[in-house]
Amino acid sequence: MIPLFNKVLPLLIKMLPLFIKMLPLFFKVLPLLIKMLPLFIKMLPLFFKVLPLLIKMLPLFIMQLPLFIKMLPLFFKVLPLFIKMLPL
């Protein structure tokens, strides 16, 4: 436990300024999060209903990933053309 703590402590000290910087943002977002909590709680049962399906689909998604990564450059090539055509 102590060796792990010795490894983590410098990292925590390093991240402290960033943490302090993010605090005001956290307090800005907090009221919104509190507002959304009832909706989140309402959606939980639906999430657990869909979860088994998502887990089933995961291998399929992983199989398609290399193809998706391969197609990305093409997508970014075509995207500007598509945006140009939008006003028409």
N, C-alpha and C. Protein backbone atom coordinates (compact mmCIF):
# COMPACT_ATOMS: atom_id res chain seq x y z
N MET A 1 0.82 -1.19 0.00
CA MET A 1 0.00 0.00 0.00
C MET A 1 0.87 1.26 0.00
N ILE A 2 1.88 1.29 0.85
CA ILE A 2 2.74 2.47 0.96
C ILE A 2 3.52 2.72 -0.34
N PRO A 3 4.10 1.68 -0.98
CA PRO A 3 4.80 1.97 -2.25
C PRO A 3 3.86 2.58 -3.30
N LEU A 4 2.64 2.10 -3.33
CA LEU A 4 1.66 2.64 -4.28
C LEU A 4 1.38 4.11 -3.95
N PHE A 5 1.23 4.38 -2.67
CA PHE A 5 0.96 5.75 -2.22
C PHE A 5 2.12 6.66 -2.62
N ASN A 6 3.35 6.16 -2.47
CA ASN A 6 4.53 6.95 -2.84
C ASN A 6 4.57 7.25 -4.34
N LYS A 7 4.02 6.35 -5.13
CA LYS A 7 3.97 6.57 -6.59
C LYS A 7 2.87 7.57 -6.94
N VAL A 8 1.77 7.50 -6.23
CA VAL A 8 0.60 8.32 -6.55
C VAL A 8 0.72 9.74 -6.01
N LEU A 9 1.36 9.91 -4.88
CA LEU A 9 1.46 11.22 -4.25
C LEU A 9 2.04 12.31 -5.16
N PRO A 10 3.17 12.06 -5.83
CA PRO A 10 3.70 13.12 -6.72
C PRO A 10 2.71 13.49 -7.82
N LEU A 11 2.02 12.50 -8.31
CA LEU A 11 1.03 12.73 -9.36
C LEU A 11 -0.11 13.61 -8.84
N LEU A 12 -0.56 13.31 -7.64
CA LEU A 12 -1.63 14.10 -7.01
C LEU A 12 -1.19 15.54 -6.80
N ILE A 13 0.02 15.72 -6.36
CA ILE A 13 0.56 17.07 -6.13
C ILE A 13 0.64 17.83 -7.46
N LYS A 14 1.03 17.12 -8.51
CA LYS A 14 1.13 17.70 -9.84
C LYS A 14 -0.24 18.16 -10.34
N MET A 15 -1.28 17.38 -10.03
CA MET A 15 -2.62 17.66 -10.54
C MET A 15 -3.39 18.68 -9.70
N LEU A 16 -2.88 19.01 -8.55
CA LEU A 16 -3.56 19.93 -7.64
C LEU A 16 -3.90 21.29 -8.29
N PRO A 17 -2.97 21.93 -8.97
CA PRO A 17 -3.33 23.23 -9.59
C PRO A 17 -4.48 23.11 -10.59
N LEU A 18 -4.47 22.04 -11.36
CA LEU A 18 -5.54 21.80 -12.33
C LEU A 18 -6.87 21.60 -11.60
N PHE A 19 -6.83 20.85 -10.54
CA PHE A 19 -8.02 20.60 -9.74
C PHE A 19 -8.60 21.92 -9.20
N ILE A 20 -7.72 22.76 -8.68
CA ILE A 20 -8.14 24.06 -8.13
C ILE A 20 -8.72 24.94 -9.24
N LYS A 21 -8.11 24.87 -10.41
CA LYS A 21 -8.58 25.63 -11.57
C LYS A 21 -9.99 25.20 -11.99
N MET A 22 -10.26 23.90 -11.88
CA MET A 22 -11.55 23.35 -12.33
C MET A 22 -12.67 23.56 -11.32
N LEU A 23 -12.36 23.87 -10.09
CA LEU A 23 -13.37 24.02 -9.05
C LEU A 23 -14.49 25.02 -9.41
N PRO A 24 -14.15 26.23 -9.88
CA PRO A 24 -15.24 27.16 -10.21
C PRO A 24 -16.19 26.60 -11.28
N LEU A 25 -15.61 25.92 -12.25
CA LEU A 25 -16.42 25.30 -13.30
C LEU A 25 -17.36 24.25 -12.70
N PHE A 26 -16.83 23.49 -11.78
CA PHE A 26 -17.62 22.46 -11.11
C PHE A 26 -18.82 23.08 -10.41
N PHE A 27 -18.60 24.19 -9.72
CA PHE A 27 -19.70 24.84 -8.99
C PHE A 27 -20.69 25.51 -9.94
N LYS A 28 -20.22 25.86 -11.13
CA LYS A 28 -21.12 26.42 -12.16
C LYS A 28 -22.06 25.35 -12.68
N VAL A 29 -21.52 24.15 -12.86
CA VAL A 29 -22.26 23.03 -13.45
C VAL A 29 -23.12 22.31 -12.41
N LEU A 30 -22.74 22.41 -11.16
CA LEU A 30 -23.43 21.70 -10.09
C LEU A 30 -24.95 21.92 -10.06
N PRO A 31 -25.45 23.15 -10.17
CA PRO A 31 -26.92 23.32 -10.15
C PRO A 31 -27.61 22.58 -11.30
N LEU A 32 -26.97 22.61 -12.44
CA LEU A 32 -27.51 21.91 -13.60
C LEU A 32 -27.55 20.40 -13.35
N LEU A 33 -26.49 19.88 -12.76
CA LEU A 33 -26.44 18.45 -12.43
C LEU A 33 -27.54 18.08 -11.44
N ILE A 34 -27.75 18.92 -10.47
CA ILE A 34 -28.80 18.66 -9.46
C ILE A 34 -30.17 18.69 -10.14
N LYS A 35 -30.36 19.62 -11.07
CA LYS A 35 -31.61 19.71 -11.81
C LYS A 35 -31.88 18.45 -12.63
N MET A 36 -30.82 17.90 -13.19
CA MET A 36 -30.95 16.75 -14.08
C MET A 36 -31.04 15.42 -13.33
N LEU A 37 -30.76 15.42 -12.06
CA LEU A 37 -30.75 14.19 -11.28
C LEU A 37 -32.06 13.40 -11.36
N PRO A 38 -33.23 14.04 -11.22
CA PRO A 38 -34.47 13.25 -11.31
C PRO A 38 -34.63 12.55 -12.66
N LEU A 39 -34.25 13.26 -13.72
CA LEU A 39 -34.31 12.67 -15.06
C LEU A 39 -33.36 11.47 -15.16
N PHE A 40 -32.17 11.65 -14.62
CA PHE A 40 -31.18 10.58 -14.62
C PHE A 40 -31.72 9.34 -13.90
N ILE A 41 -32.32 9.56 -12.75
CA ILE A 41 -32.88 8.45 -11.96
C ILE A 41 -34.02 7.77 -12.72
N LYS A 42 -34.82 8.58 -13.41
CA LYS A 42 -35.92 8.05 -14.23
C LYS A 42 -35.40 7.15 -15.35
N MET A 43 -34.26 7.53 -15.93
CA MET A 43 -33.71 6.82 -17.08
C MET A 43 -32.95 5.55 -16.68
N LEU A 44 -32.58 5.42 -15.44
CA LEU A 44 -31.80 4.25 -15.00
C LEU A 44 -32.43 2.91 -15.35
N PRO A 45 -33.73 2.70 -15.08
CA PRO A 45 -34.30 1.38 -15.44
C PRO A 45 -34.18 1.08 -16.93
N LEU A 46 -34.36 2.11 -17.75
CA LEU A 46 -34.23 1.93 -19.19
C LEU A 46 -32.79 1.53 -19.55
N PHE A 47 -31.84 2.18 -18.90
CA PHE A 47 -30.43 1.87 -19.13
C PHE A 47 -30.16 0.40 -18.82
N PHE A 48 -30.69 -0.10 -17.72
CA PHE A 48 -30.45 -1.49 -17.34
C PHE A 48 -31.19 -2.47 -18.26
N LYS A 49 -32.26 -2.01 -18.88
CA LYS A 49 -32.97 -2.84 -19.86
C LYS A 49 -32.14 -2.99 -21.13
N VAL A 50 -31.49 -1.89 -21.52
CA VAL A 50 -30.73 -1.85 -22.77
C VAL A 50 -29.32 -2.42 -22.61
N LEU A 51 -28.81 -2.41 -21.40
CA LEU A 51 -27.45 -2.86 -21.13
C LEU A 51 -27.12 -4.25 -21.67
N PRO A 52 -27.96 -5.28 -21.46
CA PRO A 52 -27.62 -6.60 -22.01
C PRO A 52 -27.47 -6.58 -23.53
N LEU A 53 -28.32 -5.79 -24.18
CA LEU A 53 -28.23 -5.67 -25.64
C LEU A 53 -26.91 -5.02 -26.05
N LEU A 54 -26.53 -3.99 -25.32
CA LEU A 54 -25.26 -3.30 -25.61
C LEU A 54 -24.08 -4.25 -25.42
N ILE A 55 -24.13 -5.05 -24.38
CA ILE A 55 -23.06 -6.01 -24.11
C ILE A 55 -23.00 -7.06 -25.23
N LYS A 56 -24.16 -7.49 -25.72
CA LYS A 56 -24.22 -8.44 -26.82
C LYS A 56 -23.61 -7.86 -28.09
N MET A 57 -23.84 -6.57 -28.31
CA MET A 57 -23.39 -5.92 -29.54
C MET A 57 -21.92 -5.51 -29.52
N LEU A 58 -21.32 -5.52 -28.35
CA LEU A 58 -19.94 -5.09 -28.20
C LEU A 58 -18.96 -5.83 -29.12
N PRO A 59 -18.99 -7.16 -29.20
CA PRO A 59 -18.06 -7.85 -30.10
C PRO A 59 -18.24 -7.42 -31.56
N LEU A 60 -19.48 -7.23 -31.96
CA LEU A 60 -19.76 -6.78 -33.32
C LEU A 60 -19.15 -5.40 -33.55
N PHE A 61 -19.32 -4.52 -32.58
CA PHE A 61 -18.77 -3.17 -32.66
C PHE A 61 -17.25 -3.22 -32.78
N ILE A 62 -16.61 -4.06 -31.98
CA ILE A 62 -15.15 -4.18 -31.99
C ILE A 62 -14.67 -4.72 -33.34
N MET A 63 -15.45 -5.65 -33.92
CA MET A 63 -15.08 -6.19 -35.23
C MET A 63 -15.13 -5.12 -36.32
N GLN A 64 -16.07 -4.19 -36.20
CA GLN A 64 -16.23 -3.15 -37.21
C GLN A 64 -15.25 -1.99 -37.04
N LEU A 65 -14.64 -1.91 -35.90
CA LEU A 65 -13.76 -0.79 -35.58
C LEU A 65 -12.62 -0.58 -36.58
N PRO A 66 -11.89 -1.63 -37.00
CA PRO A 66 -10.80 -1.38 -37.97
C PRO A 66 -11.32 -0.77 -39.28
N LEU A 67 -12.46 -1.25 -39.74
CA LEU A 67 -13.05 -0.70 -40.96
C LEU A 67 -13.43 0.77 -40.75
N PHE A 68 -14.00 1.04 -39.61
CA PHE A 68 -14.40 2.42 -39.28
C PHE A 68 -13.19 3.34 -39.29
N ILE A 69 -12.10 2.90 -38.68
CA ILE A 69 -10.87 3.71 -38.61
C ILE A 69 -10.31 3.92 -40.02
N LYS A 70 -10.39 2.88 -40.85
CA LYS A 70 -9.94 2.97 -42.23
C LYS A 70 -10.73 4.01 -43.02
N MET A 71 -12.04 4.09 -42.74
CA MET A 71 -12.93 4.98 -43.49
C MET A 71 -12.87 6.43 -43.02
N LEU A 72 -12.33 6.67 -41.86
CA LEU A 72 -12.29 8.02 -41.32
C LEU A 72 -11.64 9.06 -42.24
N PRO A 73 -10.47 8.77 -42.81
CA PRO A 73 -9.88 9.79 -43.71
C PRO A 73 -10.81 10.14 -44.88
N LEU A 74 -11.45 9.12 -45.42
CA LEU A 74 -12.38 9.35 -46.52
C LEU A 74 -13.54 10.24 -46.06
N PHE A 75 -14.03 9.98 -44.88
CA PHE A 75 -15.12 10.78 -44.32
C PHE A 75 -14.73 12.25 -44.24
N PHE A 76 -13.52 12.52 -43.75
CA PHE A 76 -13.08 13.91 -43.61
C PHE A 76 -12.78 14.55 -44.97
N LYS A 77 -12.50 13.74 -45.97
CA LYS A 77 -12.30 14.26 -47.33
C LYS A 77 -13.64 14.70 -47.91
N VAL A 78 -14.67 13.92 -47.66
CA VAL A 78 -15.99 14.15 -48.25
C VAL A 78 -16.79 15.20 -47.47
N LEU A 79 -16.49 15.33 -46.20
CA LEU A 79 -17.24 16.25 -45.35
C LEU A 79 -17.30 17.69 -45.88
N PRO A 80 -16.17 18.29 -46.29
CA PRO A 80 -16.27 19.67 -46.80
C PRO A 80 -17.18 19.77 -48.02
N LEU A 81 -17.11 18.76 -48.88
CA LEU A 81 -17.98 18.76 -50.07
C LEU A 81 -19.44 18.72 -49.67
N PHE A 82 -19.74 17.89 -48.71
CA PHE A 82 -21.11 17.76 -48.22
C PHE A 82 -21.60 19.08 -47.61
N ILE A 83 -20.74 19.72 -46.84
CA ILE A 83 -21.10 21.00 -46.22
C ILE A 83 -21.36 22.06 -47.29
N LYS A 84 -20.55 22.04 -48.35
CA LYS A 84 -20.73 22.99 -49.47
C LYS A 84 -22.09 22.80 -50.13
N MET A 85 -22.53 21.56 -50.22
CA MET A 85 -23.79 21.25 -50.90
C MET A 85 -25.02 21.54 -50.04
N LEU A 86 -24.84 21.71 -48.77
CA LEU A 86 -25.98 21.90 -47.86
C LEU A 86 -26.89 23.08 -48.23
N PRO A 87 -26.35 24.24 -48.56
CA PRO A 87 -27.27 25.36 -48.88
C PRO A 87 -28.19 25.07 -50.08
N LEU A 88 -27.76 24.18 -50.98
CA LEU A 88 -28.59 23.84 -52.14
C LEU A 88 -29.73 23.02 -51.68
